[in-house]
Amino acid sequence: MDAPGLLTPADLAAHIAASGIAAEIVPMAVETPTVPAAAAALGVQAAQIIKSLLFIVRDAPVLMIASGDAIVDRRVLAERHGVGKKQVKLADAETVLALTGYPVGGVPPFGHRTRVPVLLDVAIRGWDVIYGGGGDDRTLLRVTPDELARATAGEWIRL
């Protein structure tokens, strides 16, 4: 099922090294494609897991990095971009793969094929360390909120 040009945890590790990002790839013994699965595997709260969600806002991609227990309200993204709620759609799996290079369930918060604007959920600032997708469903990424903000040049917003 390998898509052409599918990026892997090794590609993410190379991006981290080349970009001087203080983050760590964490291989897992079990699949961790969802927030509950990742939290259980690590023994942490769901809120300490970040989810990288790709939205299409008026035909333009925007990556929302949210706390694992947060519900992303499209109205917040619509207000932030000055559009109606109906102009904010969650990207489908094919679009996610095409723009990020990674499959849904393993999308890291950075190191994507296409650079897109990033919004960061302020709720993740409360943690010393957070975990996100590491490139596939058996790999996670460990990073601090401040380093995540630096690496993504993301804008903090309240969901």
C-alpha atoms as a PDB file:
ATOM      1  CA  MET A   1       0.000   0.000   0.000  1.00  0.00           C
ATOM      2  CA  ASP A   2       2.979   2.318  -0.329  1.00  0.00           C
ATOM      3  CA  ALA A   3       1.965   5.494  -2.120  1.00  0.00           C
ATOM      4  CA  PRO A   4       4.522   7.085  -4.435  1.00  0.00           C
ATOM      5  CA  GLY A   5       6.799   9.297  -2.409  1.00  0.00           C
ATOM      6  CA  LEU A   6       5.374   8.185   0.940  1.00  0.00           C
ATOM      7  CA  LEU A   7       7.470   9.751   3.680  1.00  0.00           C
ATOM      8  CA  THR A   8       8.583   7.652   6.644  1.00  0.00           C
ATOM      9  CA  PRO A   9       9.842   8.124  10.216  1.00  0.00           C
ATOM     10  CA  ALA A  10      13.360   8.057   8.729  1.00  0.00           C
ATOM     11  CA  ASP A  11      12.452  11.077   6.563  1.00  0.00           C
ATOM     12  CA  LEU A  12      11.128  12.839   9.663  1.00  0.00           C
ATOM     13  CA  ALA A  13      14.338  12.019  11.574  1.00  0.00           C
ATOM     14  CA  ALA A  14      16.382  13.437   8.691  1.00  0.00           C
ATOM     15  CA  HIS A  15      14.282  16.632   8.713  1.00  0.00           C
ATOM     16  CA  ILE A  16      14.739  16.967  12.492  1.00  0.00           C
ATOM     17  CA  ALA A  17      18.529  16.584  12.163  1.00  0.00           C
ATOM     18  CA  ALA A  18      18.831  18.893   9.136  1.00  0.00           C
ATOM     19  CA  SER A  19      16.671  21.580  10.759  1.00  0.00           C
ATOM     20  CA  GLY A  20      18.277  21.410  14.196  1.00  0.00           C
ATOM     21  CA  ILE A  21      14.968  20.656  15.905  1.00  0.00           C
ATOM     22  CA  ALA A  22      15.151  19.441  19.501  1.00  0.00           C
ATOM     23  CA  ALA A  23      12.776  16.495  19.122  1.00  0.00           C
ATOM     24  CA  GLU A  24      13.011  12.731  19.408  1.00  0.00           C
ATOM     25  CA  ILE A  25      11.549   9.913  17.326  1.00  0.00           C
ATOM     26  CA  VAL A  26       9.932   7.290  19.604  1.00  0.00           C
ATOM     27  CA  PRO A  27       9.419   3.861  17.986  1.00  0.00           C
ATOM     28  CA  MET A  28       6.469   2.000  19.521  1.00  0.00           C
ATOM     29  CA  ALA A  29       5.871  -1.741  19.925  1.00  0.00           C
ATOM     30  CA  VAL A  30       2.153  -1.288  19.208  1.00  0.00           C
ATOM     31  CA  GLU A  31       0.155   0.696  16.672  1.00  0.00           C
ATOM     32  CA  THR A  32      -0.685   4.228  17.828  1.00  0.00           C
ATOM     33  CA  PRO A  33      -2.881   5.716  15.064  1.00  0.00           C
ATOM     34  CA  THR A  34      -5.301   7.407  17.492  1.00  0.00           C
ATOM     35  CA  VAL A  35      -4.939   9.677  20.502  1.00  0.00           C
ATOM     36  CA  PRO A  36      -6.296   7.042  22.949  1.00  0.00           C
ATOM     37  CA  ALA A  37      -3.955   4.377  21.542  1.00  0.00           C
ATOM     38  CA  ALA A  38      -0.917   6.659  21.760  1.00  0.00           C
ATOM     39  CA  ALA A  39      -1.795   7.825  25.292  1.00  0.00           C
ATOM     40  CA  ALA A  40      -2.284   4.232  26.472  1.00  0.00           C
ATOM     41  CA  ALA A  41       0.980   3.072  24.886  1.00  0.00           C
ATOM     42  CA  LEU A  42       2.930   5.894  26.545  1.00  0.00           C
ATOM     43  CA  GLY A  43       1.057   5.885  29.852  1.00  0.00           C
ATOM     44  CA  VAL A  44       0.175   9.592  29.563  1.00  0.00           C
ATOM     45  CA  GLN A  45      -3.061  11.571  29.434  1.00  0.00           C
ATOM     46  CA  ALA A  46      -4.779  12.106  26.071  1.00  0.00           C
ATOM     47  CA  ALA A  47      -4.263  15.859  26.483  1.00  0.00           C
ATOM     48  CA  GLN A  48      -0.475  15.300  26.284  1.00  0.00           C
ATOM     49  CA  ILE A  49      -0.835  13.818  22.801  1.00  0.00           C
ATOM     50  CA  ILE A  50      -1.080  16.284  19.941  1.00  0.00           C
ATOM     51  CA  LYS A  51      -3.055  15.676  16.789  1.00  0.00           C
ATOM     52  CA  SER A  52      -2.047  17.266  13.500  1.00  0.00           C
ATOM     53  CA  LEU A  53      -5.244  17.922  11.563  1.00  0.00           C
ATOM     54  CA  LEU A  54      -5.166  19.274   8.040  1.00  0.00           C
ATOM     55  CA  PHE A  55      -8.045  21.559   7.142  1.00  0.00           C
ATOM     56  CA  ILE A  56      -8.860  23.196   3.850  1.00  0.00           C
ATOM     57  CA  VAL A  57      -9.926  26.789   4.462  1.00  0.00           C
ATOM     58  CA  ARG A  58     -11.344  28.429   1.337  1.00  0.00           C
ATOM     59  CA  ASP A  59      -9.250  26.124  -0.885  1.00  0.00           C
ATOM     60  CA  ALA A  60      -6.024  26.670   1.111  1.00  0.00           C
ATOM     61  CA  PRO A  61      -4.498  24.104   3.510  1.00  0.00           C
ATOM     62  CA  VAL A  62      -4.028  24.939   7.196  1.00  0.00           C
ATOM     63  CA  LEU A  63      -2.551  22.560   9.767  1.00  0.00           C
ATOM     64  CA  MET A  64      -4.211  22.664  13.182  1.00  0.00           C
ATOM     65  CA  ILE A  65      -2.118  21.117  15.947  1.00  0.00           C
ATOM     66  CA  ALA A  66      -4.476  20.455  18.820  1.00  0.00           C
ATOM     67  CA  SER A  67      -4.389  18.826  22.224  1.00  0.00           C
ATOM     68  CA  GLY A  68      -5.468  15.221  21.941  1.00  0.00           C
ATOM     69  CA  ASP A  69      -8.585  15.721  24.034  1.00  0.00           C
ATOM     70  CA  ALA A  70      -9.673  18.893  22.221  1.00  0.00           C
ATOM     71  CA  ILE A  71     -12.547  19.116  19.806  1.00  0.00           C
ATOM     72  CA  VAL A  72     -11.585  21.394  16.942  1.00  0.00           C
ATOM     73  CA  ASP A  73     -14.544  23.630  16.201  1.00  0.00           C
ATOM     74  CA  ARG A  74     -14.531  24.719  12.564  1.00  0.00           C
ATOM     75  CA  ARG A  75     -16.081  28.039  13.667  1.00  0.00           C
ATOM     76  CA  VAL A  76     -12.819  28.984  15.419  1.00  0.00           C
ATOM     77  CA  LEU A  77     -10.857  28.359  12.211  1.00  0.00           C
ATOM     78  CA  ALA A  78     -13.490  30.181  10.157  1.00  0.00           C
ATOM     79  CA  GLU A  79     -13.315  33.241  12.431  1.00  0.00           C
ATOM     80  CA  ARG A  80      -9.493  33.203  12.389  1.00  0.00           C
ATOM     81  CA  HIS A  81      -9.530  33.234   8.565  1.00  0.00           C
ATOM     82  CA  GLY A  82     -12.515  35.540   8.093  1.00  0.00           C
ATOM     83  CA  VAL A  83     -14.638  32.978   6.241  1.00  0.00           C
ATOM     84  CA  GLY A  84     -17.901  31.160   6.847  1.00  0.00           C
ATOM     85  CA  LYS A  85     -17.887  27.827   8.689  1.00  0.00           C
ATOM     86  CA  LYS A  86     -18.886  26.003   5.492  1.00  0.00           C
ATOM     87  CA  GLN A  87     -15.594  27.097   3.909  1.00  0.00           C
ATOM     88  CA  VAL A  88     -13.618  25.091   6.496  1.00  0.00           C
ATOM     89  CA  LYS A  89     -13.368  21.366   5.775  1.00  0.00           C
ATOM     90  CA  LEU A  90     -11.275  18.587   7.252  1.00  0.00           C
ATOM     91  CA  ALA A  91      -8.982  17.311   4.492  1.00  0.00           C
ATOM     92  CA  ASP A  92      -9.583  13.760   3.281  1.00  0.00           C
ATOM     93  CA  ALA A  93      -6.909  11.069   3.629  1.00  0.00           C
ATOM     94  CA  GLU A  94      -5.771  11.440   0.011  1.00  0.00           C
ATOM     95  CA  THR A  95      -5.260  15.205   0.410  1.00  0.00           C
ATOM     96  CA  VAL A  96      -3.425  14.705   3.711  1.00  0.00           C
ATOM     97  CA  LEU A  97      -1.052  12.223   2.064  1.00  0.00           C
ATOM     98  CA  ALA A  98      -0.530  14.437  -1.000  1.00  0.00           C
ATOM     99  CA  LEU A  99       0.271  17.590   0.999  1.00  0.00           C
ATOM    100  CA  THR A 100       2.136  16.160   3.993  1.00  0.00           C
ATOM    101  CA  GLY A 101       3.631  12.992   2.514  1.00  0.00           C
ATOM    102  CA  TYR A 102       2.436  11.066   5.565  1.00  0.00           C
ATOM    103  CA  PRO A 103      -0.636   8.840   6.067  1.00  0.00           C
ATOM    104  CA  VAL A 104      -3.466   9.788   8.418  1.00  0.00           C
ATOM    105  CA  GLY A 105      -2.648   8.320  11.836  1.00  0.00           C
ATOM    106  CA  GLY A 106       1.051   9.133  11.579  1.00  0.00           C
ATOM    107  CA  VAL A 107       1.171  12.771  10.434  1.00  0.00           C
ATOM    108  CA  PRO A 108       3.886  14.637  12.325  1.00  0.00           C
ATOM    109  CA  PRO A 109       3.518  18.345  13.122  1.00  0.00           C
ATOM    110  CA  PHE A 110       6.382  19.325  10.772  1.00  0.00           C
ATOM    111  CA  GLY A 111       8.648  17.920   8.067  1.00  0.00           C
ATOM    112  CA  HIS A 112       5.899  17.770   5.464  1.00  0.00           C
ATOM    113  CA  ARG A 113       6.246  17.610   1.704  1.00  0.00           C
ATOM    114  CA  THR A 114       4.416  20.966   1.388  1.00  0.00           C
ATOM    115  CA  ARG A 115       4.841  23.732   3.948  1.00  0.00           C
ATOM    116  CA  VAL A 116       1.475  25.016   5.141  1.00  0.00           C
ATOM    117  CA  PRO A 117       0.466  27.598   7.765  1.00  0.00           C
ATOM    118  CA  VAL A 118       0.229  26.125  11.268  1.00  0.00           C
ATOM    119  CA  LEU A 119      -2.124  26.992  14.113  1.00  0.00           C
ATOM    120  CA  LEU A 120      -1.297  25.709  17.607  1.00  0.00           C
ATOM    121  CA  ASP A 121      -3.825  24.980  20.359  1.00  0.00           C
ATOM    122  CA  VAL A 122      -2.812  27.013  23.449  1.00  0.00           C
ATOM    123  CA  ALA A 123      -3.874  24.053  25.625  1.00  0.00           C
ATOM    124  CA  ILE A 124      -0.681  22.190  24.729  1.00  0.00           C
ATOM    125  CA  ARG A 125       1.439  24.900  26.356  1.00  0.00           C
ATOM    126  CA  GLY A 126       0.591  23.434  29.758  1.00  0.00           C
ATOM    127  CA  TRP A 127       2.799  20.370  29.225  1.00  0.00           C
ATOM    128  CA  ASP A 128       6.571  20.088  29.616  1.00  0.00           C
ATOM    129  CA  VAL A 129       6.620  17.581  26.771  1.00  0.00           C
ATOM    130  CA  ILE A 130       4.083  16.477  24.169  1.00  0.00           C
ATOM    131  CA  TYR A 131       3.848  13.550  21.762  1.00  0.00           C
ATOM    132  CA  GLY A 132       2.599  13.586  18.194  1.00  0.00           C
ATOM    133  CA  GLY A 133       2.639  11.535  15.030  1.00  0.00           C
ATOM    134  CA  GLY A 134       6.084  10.285  14.119  1.00  0.00           C
ATOM    135  CA  GLY A 135       5.565   9.411  10.474  1.00  0.00           C
ATOM    136  CA  ASP A 136       3.582   6.167  10.681  1.00  0.00           C
ATOM    137  CA  ASP A 137       1.192   4.372  13.022  1.00  0.00           C
ATOM    138  CA  ARG A 138       4.005   2.754  15.044  1.00  0.00           C
ATOM    139  CA  THR A 139       6.149   5.832  15.651  1.00  0.00           C
ATOM    140  CA  LEU A 140       5.645   8.914  17.791  1.00  0.00           C
ATOM    141  CA  LEU A 141       7.466  12.219  18.107  1.00  0.00           C
ATOM    142  CA  ARG A 142       8.511  13.719  21.454  1.00  0.00           C
ATOM    143  CA  VAL A 143       8.916  17.515  21.583  1.00  0.00           C
ATOM    144  CA  THR A 144       8.342  20.481  23.903  1.00  0.00           C
ATOM    145  CA  PRO A 145       5.577  22.987  23.120  1.00  0.00           C
ATOM    146  CA  ASP A 146       8.110  25.821  22.720  1.00  0.00           C
ATOM    147  CA  GLU A 147      10.217  23.790  20.280  1.00  0.00           C
ATOM    148  CA  LEU A 148       7.084  22.822  18.365  1.00  0.00           C
ATOM    149  CA  ALA A 149       6.158  26.487  18.008  1.00  0.00           C
ATOM    150  CA  ARG A 150       9.677  27.335  16.850  1.00  0.00           C
ATOM    151  CA  ALA A 151       9.882  24.450  14.370  1.00  0.00           C
ATOM    152  CA  THR A 152       6.485  25.165  12.814  1.00  0.00           C
ATOM    153  CA  ALA A 153       6.484  28.973  13.058  1.00  0.00           C
ATOM    154  CA  GLY A 154       2.948  28.331  14.272  1.00  0.00           C
ATOM    155  CA  GLU A 155       0.463  30.828  15.632  1.00  0.00           C
ATOM    156  CA  TRP A 156      -1.092  30.106  19.041  1.00  0.00           C
ATOM    157  CA  ILE A 157      -4.894  30.184  19.134  1.00  0.00           C
ATOM    158  CA  ARG A 158      -7.561  29.231  21.668  1.00  0.00           C
ATOM    159  CA  LEU A 159      -9.899  26.480  20.512  1.00  0.00           C
END
